[in-house]
Amino acid sequence: MKIKNTLLPIMALLCGQVYTQIPEGFDADAIYVLVDSDLKKRSYSDVSMTNDLESKDQLLIMRKGAETKPVSFDLVNSMKGFSNQAVLNYDGRYVMVSSGDSAPDGYASYTSEQGLLSVLDTKHGTIVEEKLNSKAGPVAINHMKGLLAVAAGSESNMISLMIWKGRAVTNMIEVPLKGLEGKDKISDLIWSQTGNLLAVTFEYSNKVAFYRLTNNAEGISLELKGKPLTCGVNPGLGVFSQDETLFFVADQNEAFKKGAVAVVKVDMISGQHEFIQSVATNIGPEMIRLSPDGKNIITVNRRGAHLAESDKNKTRMSSLTVFKILKSGKLKPLGEYPFKTVYPSDLRFDKSGEMIAVVAHESAFDDSKAEILFWDFNPNKKIQLKIRGARLELPKGAHSIFVQ
């Protein structure tokens, strides 16, 4: 089915109105935002970046009903503008930020041999930092088992499993990932809702592997089930279905080609996983999220909004794509919704599942700031997403959000 396009939702933002607090109807007590110090210096009009190693990344807290400035906590400079490894996770009380480790050619001196985990206690408003045994790659919290999984660097087949109690890491175990030949780049780590399964996506081999967590008298281990499966051209972020029988992964594809969502039927008993579908999004699916009721998938597509003005592929429009999960496990495209912004990077549903929030590195209305845009969501209507007529302004460089 061809994806429908509508320009109706973008009209409400043409006036550039600004919210002073979390909007009415958005079911959340607080929104947490990670702001990168390097991205504060970046201009997407000419793709320039000035790196300030003295500046600190920030973790912002905006609480419902508060019109004052967000509470701000300084973090170690994660080099997110280089490594793309800073990850924000939330477990109901603690917010964890995994600091990145790598830099492009010519910036090797900026890397660190030890990663860092910054932990905010949201109840007491205090922040502590935990040093990791190795460089820090993507991080994923296992809420059910009290574990953190941290990839040991951006190019490694090793994962650090950390037993988490309170705000402290009490034990750290290095676990090898079996099933791959040579080193690969871990794009994402994804726990299932029960915490029993871990999916790992790999950038170089374009594969996804599924592991079962075991924790017994012999210790903690990750058992590979089945062979790693090729999922498109450039798989990245992913999400399990609620019953853990399906896995959806955003495929970035090649540059300036339309991305896709790859769908895998997961069989952790036989290990006979099956690639069942690849369905198109638009260019650059930057994030993929599952609705709270488990019935829909939404991707954030950056299209060409992050490119320089001189680039022929430059566009001022990004988009959201909405999919329905069918009984067969396949995805049915419901609609694509263009909107004006510069480099959207994250998406969150509110607790009710009736609204979503999208954060962008840079506002299309003020290039000195970032923004959060809000939509009403109803998958049963012909137009599933309706954008609110205002936005929340943030410090430039905001790129990850969580809702409480």
Protein backbone atom coordinates (compact mmCIF):
# COMPACT_ATOMS: atom_id res chain seq x y z
CA MET A 1 0.00 0.00 0.00
CA LYS A 2 1.29 3.42 -0.92
CA ILE A 3 1.91 5.69 2.07
CA LYS A 4 -0.43 8.66 2.16
CA ASN A 5 0.98 12.17 2.51
CA THR A 6 -0.75 15.17 3.98
CA LEU A 7 0.47 18.71 4.58
CA LEU A 8 -2.45 19.55 6.87
CA PRO A 9 -0.63 18.90 10.18
CA ILE A 10 2.21 21.33 9.43
CA MET A 11 -0.03 24.36 8.98
CA ALA A 12 -0.55 24.86 12.72
CA LEU A 13 3.14 25.54 13.28
CA LEU A 14 3.60 28.19 10.62
CA CYS A 15 3.07 30.91 13.22
CA GLY A 16 5.97 29.58 15.33
CA GLN A 17 4.16 29.79 18.69
CA VAL A 18 5.96 28.62 21.85
CA TYR A 19 4.67 26.71 24.89
CA THR A 20 5.85 27.84 28.33
CA GLN A 21 5.33 24.36 29.85
CA ILE A 22 4.40 20.78 28.97
CA PRO A 23 1.11 21.13 27.06
CA GLU A 24 -2.28 20.11 28.42
CA GLY A 25 -3.25 16.59 27.44
CA PHE A 26 0.30 15.25 27.38
CA ASP A 27 0.14 12.49 30.01
CA ALA A 28 3.50 12.77 31.76
CA ASP A 29 4.73 14.11 35.08
CA ALA A 30 8.08 15.12 33.61
CA ILE A 31 10.15 15.15 30.41
CA TYR A 32 13.90 14.43 30.54
CA VAL A 33 16.10 15.82 27.78
CA LEU A 34 19.78 15.20 26.98
CA VAL A 35 21.56 18.23 25.48
CA ASP A 36 24.94 17.80 23.80
CA SER A 37 27.52 20.55 24.24
CA ASP A 38 29.11 19.90 20.83
CA LEU A 39 25.81 20.08 19.00
CA LYS A 40 25.18 23.49 20.60
CA LYS A 41 27.95 24.81 18.35
CA ARG A 42 26.67 23.20 15.18
CA SER A 43 24.96 25.00 12.34
CA TYR A 44 22.97 22.82 9.96
CA SER A 45 22.82 25.60 7.41
CA ASP A 46 26.52 25.18 6.67
CA VAL A 47 27.24 21.90 8.53
CA SER A 48 29.90 23.48 10.72
CA MET A 49 30.83 22.29 14.19
CA THR A 50 33.01 23.85 16.84
CA ASN A 51 34.07 21.42 19.56
CA ASP A 52 34.36 22.74 23.09
CA LEU A 53 35.94 20.11 25.36
CA GLU A 54 35.41 22.32 28.41
CA SER A 55 31.65 22.52 28.03
CA LYS A 56 29.48 19.94 29.75
CA ASP A 57 26.58 18.03 28.31
CA GLN A 58 23.36 18.72 30.20
CA LEU A 59 20.44 16.68 31.48
CA LEU A 60 17.29 18.80 31.71
CA ILE A 61 14.12 18.05 33.67
CA MET A 62 10.82 19.74 32.76
CA ARG A 63 8.00 18.98 35.19
CA LYS A 64 4.28 19.17 34.44
CA GLY A 65 2.74 22.50 35.40
CA ALA A 66 6.07 24.28 35.92
CA GLU A 67 6.70 27.42 33.87
CA THR A 68 10.15 28.06 35.33
CA LYS A 69 13.34 27.10 33.54
CA PRO A 70 14.07 23.34 33.48
CA VAL A 71 16.26 21.89 36.22
CA SER A 72 19.72 21.31 34.73
CA PHE A 73 22.52 18.87 35.61
CA ASP A 74 26.00 19.02 34.08
CA LEU A 75 27.47 15.80 32.66
CA VAL A 76 30.87 14.82 31.27
CA ASN A 77 31.25 15.92 27.67
CA SER A 78 30.13 12.77 25.84
CA MET A 79 31.45 13.77 22.38
CA LYS A 80 27.99 12.84 21.10
CA GLY A 81 28.56 15.07 18.11
CA PHE A 82 31.30 12.64 17.08
CA SER A 83 30.55 9.19 18.41
CA ASN A 84 26.75 8.99 18.42
CA GLN A 85 27.07 6.81 21.52
CA ALA A 86 25.53 8.92 24.28
CA VAL A 87 22.33 7.19 25.31
CA LEU A 88 19.66 8.26 27.77
CA ASN A 89 17.69 5.60 29.67
CA TYR A 90 15.13 5.79 32.44
CA ASP A 91 14.01 3.05 34.86
CA GLY A 92 11.31 4.79 36.88
CA ARG A 93 13.58 6.65 39.28
CA TYR A 94 17.10 6.77 37.87
CA VAL A 95 18.21 8.37 34.61
CA MET A 96 21.38 6.91 33.10
CA VAL A 97 23.56 8.51 30.42
CA SER A 98 26.28 6.43 28.77
CA SER A 99 29.15 8.63 27.56
CA GLY A 100 30.60 8.03 24.11
CA ASP A 101 34.16 7.10 23.31
CA SER A 102 35.12 7.56 19.66
CA ALA A 103 35.93 10.37 17.26
CA PRO A 104 36.48 10.65 13.49
CA ASP A 105 39.90 10.72 11.85
CA GLY A 106 41.98 13.60 13.14
CA TYR A 107 40.32 13.73 16.55
CA ALA A 108 41.74 10.60 18.18
CA SER A 109 43.12 12.60 21.10
CA TYR A 110 39.54 13.31 22.22
CA THR A 111 38.77 9.65 22.97
CA SER A 112 38.98 7.99 26.36
CA GLU A 113 39.94 4.45 27.31
CA GLN A 114 37.25 4.43 30.00
CA GLY A 115 33.58 5.09 29.45
CA LEU A 116 31.42 6.79 32.02
CA LEU A 117 27.88 6.26 33.24
CA SER A 118 26.20 9.37 34.70
CA VAL A 119 23.30 8.52 37.01
CA LEU A 120 20.65 10.99 38.15
CA ASP A 121 18.53 10.13 41.20
CA THR A 122 15.25 11.85 40.27
CA LYS A 123 13.85 11.54 43.81
CA HIS A 124 16.71 13.30 45.58
CA GLY A 125 18.01 15.40 42.67
CA THR A 126 21.58 14.16 42.96
CA ILE A 127 23.92 12.87 40.25
CA VAL A 128 26.80 10.40 40.48
CA GLU A 129 29.22 9.02 37.89
CA GLU A 130 30.28 5.39 37.48
CA LYS A 131 33.47 4.56 35.58
CA LEU A 132 33.21 1.60 33.22
CA ASN A 133 35.87 -1.04 32.57
CA SER A 134 36.13 -0.07 28.91
CA LYS A 135 34.94 2.47 26.40
CA ALA A 136 31.19 2.91 26.43
CA GLY A 137 28.96 2.17 23.48
CA PRO A 138 25.16 1.92 23.42
CA VAL A 139 23.50 1.16 26.75
CA ALA A 140 20.20 -0.58 27.55
CA ILE A 141 18.47 -0.99 30.90
CA ASN A 142 16.86 -4.29 31.85
CA HIS A 143 14.15 -3.07 34.21
CA MET A 144 12.95 -6.55 35.16
CA LYS A 145 16.33 -8.08 35.98
CA GLY A 146 18.16 -5.09 37.47
CA LEU A 147 20.81 -5.12 34.77
CA LEU A 148 22.51 -2.61 32.52
CA ALA A 149 23.93 -3.78 29.22
CA VAL A 150 26.69 -1.57 27.81
CA ALA A 151 28.49 -2.31 24.57
CA ALA A 152 32.24 -2.27 25.27
CA GLY A 153 33.13 0.40 22.74
CA SER A 154 31.67 1.16 19.33
CA GLU A 155 33.57 -1.67 17.60
CA SER A 156 33.47 -4.76 19.77
CA ASN A 157 31.81 -8.14 20.20
CA MET A 158 31.89 -7.70 23.96
CA ILE A 159 29.15 -6.43 26.27
CA SER A 160 29.47 -5.35 29.90
CA LEU A 161 26.56 -6.59 31.99
CA MET A 162 26.27 -4.58 35.18
CA ILE A 163 24.14 -5.59 38.13
CA TRP A 164 22.24 -2.50 39.19
CA LYS A 165 21.01 -1.85 42.73
CA GLY A 166 19.84 1.57 43.85
CA ARG A 167 22.08 4.07 42.15
CA ALA A 168 25.22 1.94 42.18
CA VAL A 169 26.75 -0.71 39.95
CA THR A 170 27.51 -3.59 42.34
CA ASN A 171 29.07 -5.99 39.84
CA MET A 172 30.33 -5.81 36.27
CA ILE A 173 30.71 -8.85 34.00
CA GLU A 174 32.26 -8.93 30.54
CA VAL A 175 30.14 -11.13 28.26
CA PRO A 176 31.27 -12.07 24.74
CA LEU A 177 28.71 -12.01 21.94
CA LYS A 178 28.87 -15.21 19.92
CA GLY A 179 27.75 -15.72 16.35
CA LEU A 180 29.79 -13.12 14.48
CA GLU A 181 33.14 -13.36 12.74
CA GLY A 182 35.58 -10.62 13.64
CA LYS A 183 34.68 -7.27 15.15
CA ASP A 184 31.55 -5.40 14.25
CA LYS A 185 29.97 -2.08 15.19
CA ILE A 186 27.07 -2.37 17.59
CA SER A 187 24.30 0.01 16.54
CA ASP A 188 21.86 -0.74 19.32
CA LEU A 189 21.04 -2.99 22.27
CA ILE A 190 17.37 -3.73 22.95
CA TRP A 191 15.91 -5.69 25.87
CA SER A 192 12.46 -7.26 25.55
CA GLN A 193 9.79 -6.18 28.05
CA THR A 194 10.27 -9.26 30.26
CA GLY A 195 14.03 -8.71 30.28
CA ASN A 196 14.67 -12.27 29.11
CA LEU A 197 15.77 -11.41 25.56
CA LEU A 198 18.41 -9.08 24.15
CA ALA A 199 18.55 -8.05 20.49
CA VAL A 200 21.80 -6.61 19.13
CA THR A 201 21.98 -4.83 15.78
CA PHE A 202 25.32 -4.63 13.95
CA GLU A 203 26.21 -1.93 11.45
CA TYR A 204 29.04 -3.51 9.44
CA SER A 205 27.46 -6.91 8.80
CA ASN A 206 23.89 -5.50 8.61
CA LYS A 207 22.71 -8.24 10.97
CA VAL A 208 20.59 -8.59 14.09
CA ALA A 209 21.26 -11.31 16.67
CA PHE A 210 19.00 -12.54 19.47
CA TYR A 211 20.27 -13.68 22.87
CA ARG A 212 18.56 -15.24 25.89
CA LEU A 213 19.64 -14.03 29.31
CA THR A 214 20.45 -16.74 31.86
CA ASN A 215 21.19 -16.02 35.50
CA ASN A 216 21.85 -19.05 37.67
CA ALA A 217 24.39 -20.52 40.08
CA GLU A 218 26.94 -20.59 37.28
CA GLY A 219 26.57 -16.87 36.71
CA ILE A 220 25.11 -14.50 34.11
CA SER A 221 25.40 -15.28 30.41
CA LEU A 222 23.88 -14.42 27.05
CA GLU A 223 23.01 -17.46 24.92
CA LEU A 224 22.79 -16.89 21.18
CA LYS A 225 19.60 -18.44 19.73
CA GLY A 226 19.72 -19.12 16.01
CA LYS A 227 21.96 -17.44 13.48
CA PRO A 228 22.29 -13.65 13.16
CA LEU A 229 19.90 -12.45 10.47
CA THR A 230 20.56 -9.87 7.74
CA CYS A 231 18.09 -7.00 8.08
CA GLY A 232 18.32 -4.60 5.17
CA VAL A 233 21.24 -2.37 4.23
CA ASN A 234 21.99 -0.42 7.43
CA PRO A 235 19.96 -1.60 10.45
CA GLY A 236 20.07 0.56 13.56
CA LEU A 237 17.55 1.13 16.31
CA GLY A 238 14.92 -1.52 16.99
CA VAL A 239 12.07 -2.60 19.25
CA PHE A 240 10.43 -5.91 20.29
CA SER A 241 6.69 -6.50 20.09
CA GLN A 242 5.05 -6.89 23.49
CA ASP A 243 4.77 -10.68 23.15
CA GLU A 244 8.44 -10.92 22.05
CA THR A 245 7.59 -12.81 18.84
CA LEU A 246 8.42 -9.89 16.52
CA PHE A 247 11.32 -7.50 16.17
CA PHE A 248 11.14 -4.24 14.23
CA VAL A 249 14.35 -2.50 13.19
CA ALA A 250 14.87 0.82 11.40
CA ASP A 251 16.93 0.35 8.23
CA GLN A 252 18.75 3.57 7.28
CA ASN A 253 19.55 2.19 3.81
CA GLU A 254 22.17 3.98 1.70
CA ALA A 255 22.56 7.76 1.80
CA PHE A 256 19.64 9.70 0.27
CA LYS A 257 17.64 6.53 -0.42
CA LYS A 258 14.37 5.82 1.33
CA GLY A 259 14.78 3.88 4.54
CA ALA A 260 12.58 1.04 5.77
CA VAL A 261 11.39 -0.91 8.76
CA ALA A 262 12.55 -4.54 8.67
CA VAL A 263 10.33 -7.07 10.45
CA VAL A 264 11.68 -10.31 11.93
CA LYS A 265 9.58 -13.15 13.32
CA VAL A 266 11.49 -14.27 16.43
CA ASP A 267 11.49 -17.93 17.54
CA MET A 268 13.60 -18.34 20.66
CA ILE A 269 12.65 -22.03 21.00
CA SER A 270 13.83 -23.36 17.64
CA GLY A 271 16.13 -20.46 16.79
CA GLN A 272 14.54 -20.36 13.34
CA HIS A 273 14.08 -16.61 13.06
CA GLU A 274 12.46 -15.38 9.85
CA PHE A 275 12.80 -12.10 7.97
CA ILE A 276 9.20 -11.46 6.87
CA GLN A 277 9.01 -7.88 5.56
CA SER A 278 10.75 -4.66 4.65
CA VAL A 279 8.34 -1.72 4.40
CA ALA A 280 9.39 1.75 3.25
CA THR A 281 9.63 4.88 5.36
CA ASN A 282 11.25 8.05 4.09
CA ILE A 283 14.96 8.94 4.04
CA GLY A 284 16.80 8.47 7.33
CA PRO A 285 14.51 6.77 9.88
CA GLU A 286 16.29 8.22 12.91
CA MET A 287 14.12 6.62 15.61
CA ILE A 288 11.49 3.87 15.91
CA ARG A 289 8.99 3.52 18.76
CA LEU A 290 6.20 1.10 19.72
CA SER A 291 2.92 2.53 21.00
CA PRO A 292 2.04 1.73 24.65
CA ASP A 293 -0.78 -0.61 23.56
CA GLY A 294 1.63 -2.50 21.28
CA LYS A 295 -0.49 -2.00 18.15
CA ASN A 296 1.43 0.67 16.21
CA ILE A 297 4.94 1.69 15.16
CA ILE A 298 6.06 5.26 14.41
CA THR A 299 9.36 6.26 12.81
CA VAL A 300 10.99 9.72 12.76
CA ASN A 301 12.49 10.38 9.31
CA ARG A 302 15.05 13.16 9.02
CA ARG A 303 14.88 13.19 5.17
CA GLY A 304 17.40 15.86 4.10
CA ALA A 305 16.77 18.35 6.90
CA HIS A 306 20.27 17.95 8.39
CA LEU A 307 22.16 18.81 5.19
CA ALA A 308 23.84 22.06 4.16
CA GLU A 309 21.82 24.62 2.21
CA SER A 310 24.07 24.08 -0.79
CA ASP A 311 23.32 20.34 -0.93
CA LYS A 312 20.90 19.33 -3.70
CA ASN A 313 19.22 16.88 -1.31
CA LYS A 314 18.53 19.60 1.29
CA THR A 315 14.94 19.92 2.52
CA ARG A 316 13.31 21.83 5.35
CA MET A 317 10.81 19.04 5.88
CA SER A 318 11.20 15.94 8.06
CA SER A 319 8.40 13.42 8.59
CA LEU A 320 6.75 10.80 10.79
CA THR A 321 5.50 7.48 9.40
CA VAL A 322 2.74 5.54 11.16
CA PHE A 323 2.32 1.76 10.83
CA LYS A 324 -0.26 -0.70 12.12
CA ILE A 325 0.93 -4.13 13.29
CA LEU A 326 -1.24 -6.77 11.63
CA LYS A 327 -2.07 -10.20 13.09
CA SER A 328 0.39 -11.72 10.61
CA GLY A 329 3.16 -9.63 12.17
CA LYS A 330 3.58 -7.52 9.05
CA LEU A 331 3.27 -3.75 9.08
CA LYS A 332 0.57 -1.78 7.25
CA PRO A 333 1.53 1.84 6.45
CA LEU A 334 -1.20 4.23 7.62
CA GLY A 335 0.28 7.59 6.70
CA GLU A 336 3.31 9.85 6.45
CA TYR A 337 3.22 13.27 8.12
CA PRO A 338 5.70 15.96 6.97
CA PHE A 339 6.65 18.73 9.37
CA LYS A 340 9.10 21.61 9.42
CA THR A 341 12.16 21.15 11.63
CA VAL A 342 15.93 20.61 11.47
CA TYR A 343 17.26 17.12 12.22
CA PRO A 344 14.67 15.38 14.45
CA SER A 345 16.35 12.69 16.58
CA ASP A 346 13.96 11.16 19.12
CA LEU A 347 10.30 10.36 19.69
CA ARG A 348 8.31 9.41 22.80
CA PHE A 349 4.68 8.49 23.45
CA ASP A 350 3.08 9.88 26.57
CA LYS A 351 1.78 7.36 29.14
CA SER A 352 -1.71 7.27 27.61
CA GLY A 353 -0.43 6.65 24.08
CA GLU A 354 -2.67 9.46 22.83
CA MET A 355 0.10 12.03 22.29
CA ILE A 356 3.71 11.96 21.09
CA ALA A 357 6.66 14.30 21.52
CA VAL A 358 9.49 14.69 18.98
CA VAL A 359 12.79 16.43 19.79
CA ALA A 360 14.95 18.12 17.14
CA HIS A 361 18.59 19.28 17.45
CA GLU A 362 17.74 22.67 15.98
CA SER A 363 14.52 24.62 15.56
CA ALA A 364 13.36 25.62 12.11
CA PHE A 365 12.13 28.91 13.62
CA ASP A 366 15.21 29.83 15.69
CA ASP A 367 18.58 28.26 14.77
CA SER A 368 20.00 29.14 18.20
CA LYS A 369 17.62 26.70 19.92
CA ALA A 370 16.30 23.14 19.79
CA GLU A 371 12.64 22.22 20.15
CA ILE A 372 10.06 19.61 21.13
CA LEU A 373 7.00 19.31 18.90
CA PHE A 374 3.76 17.62 20.03
CA TRP A 375 1.11 15.61 18.19
CA ASP A 376 -2.27 14.13 19.12
CA PHE A 377 -2.34 10.48 18.04
CA ASN A 378 -5.38 8.39 17.13
CA PRO A 379 -4.63 5.36 14.91
CA ASN A 380 -8.34 4.78 14.24
CA LYS A 381 -8.81 8.06 12.39
CA LYS A 382 -8.08 8.76 8.73
CA ILE A 383 -5.52 11.36 9.85
CA GLN A 384 -3.73 9.61 12.72
CA LEU A 385 -1.45 12.48 13.77
CA LYS A 386 -2.46 16.09 14.33
CA ILE A 387 0.29 18.51 15.28
CA ARG A 388 -0.24 20.95 18.15
CA GLY A 389 0.05 24.64 17.30
CA ALA A 390 3.11 25.40 19.42
CA ARG A 391 6.46 23.98 20.51
CA LEU A 392 8.70 23.82 23.59
CA GLU A 393 12.03 25.58 23.12
CA LEU A 394 15.21 23.97 24.47
CA PRO A 395 18.95 24.71 24.41
CA LYS A 396 20.40 23.88 21.03
CA GLY A 397 21.80 20.33 20.82
CA ALA A 398 18.89 18.52 22.51
CA HIS A 399 18.74 15.01 21.08
CA SER A 400 17.25 12.40 23.46
CA ILE A 401 14.06 12.50 25.53
CA PHE A 402 12.25 10.34 28.09
CA VAL A 403 8.88 10.84 29.73
CA GLN A 404 7.92 9.91 33.29
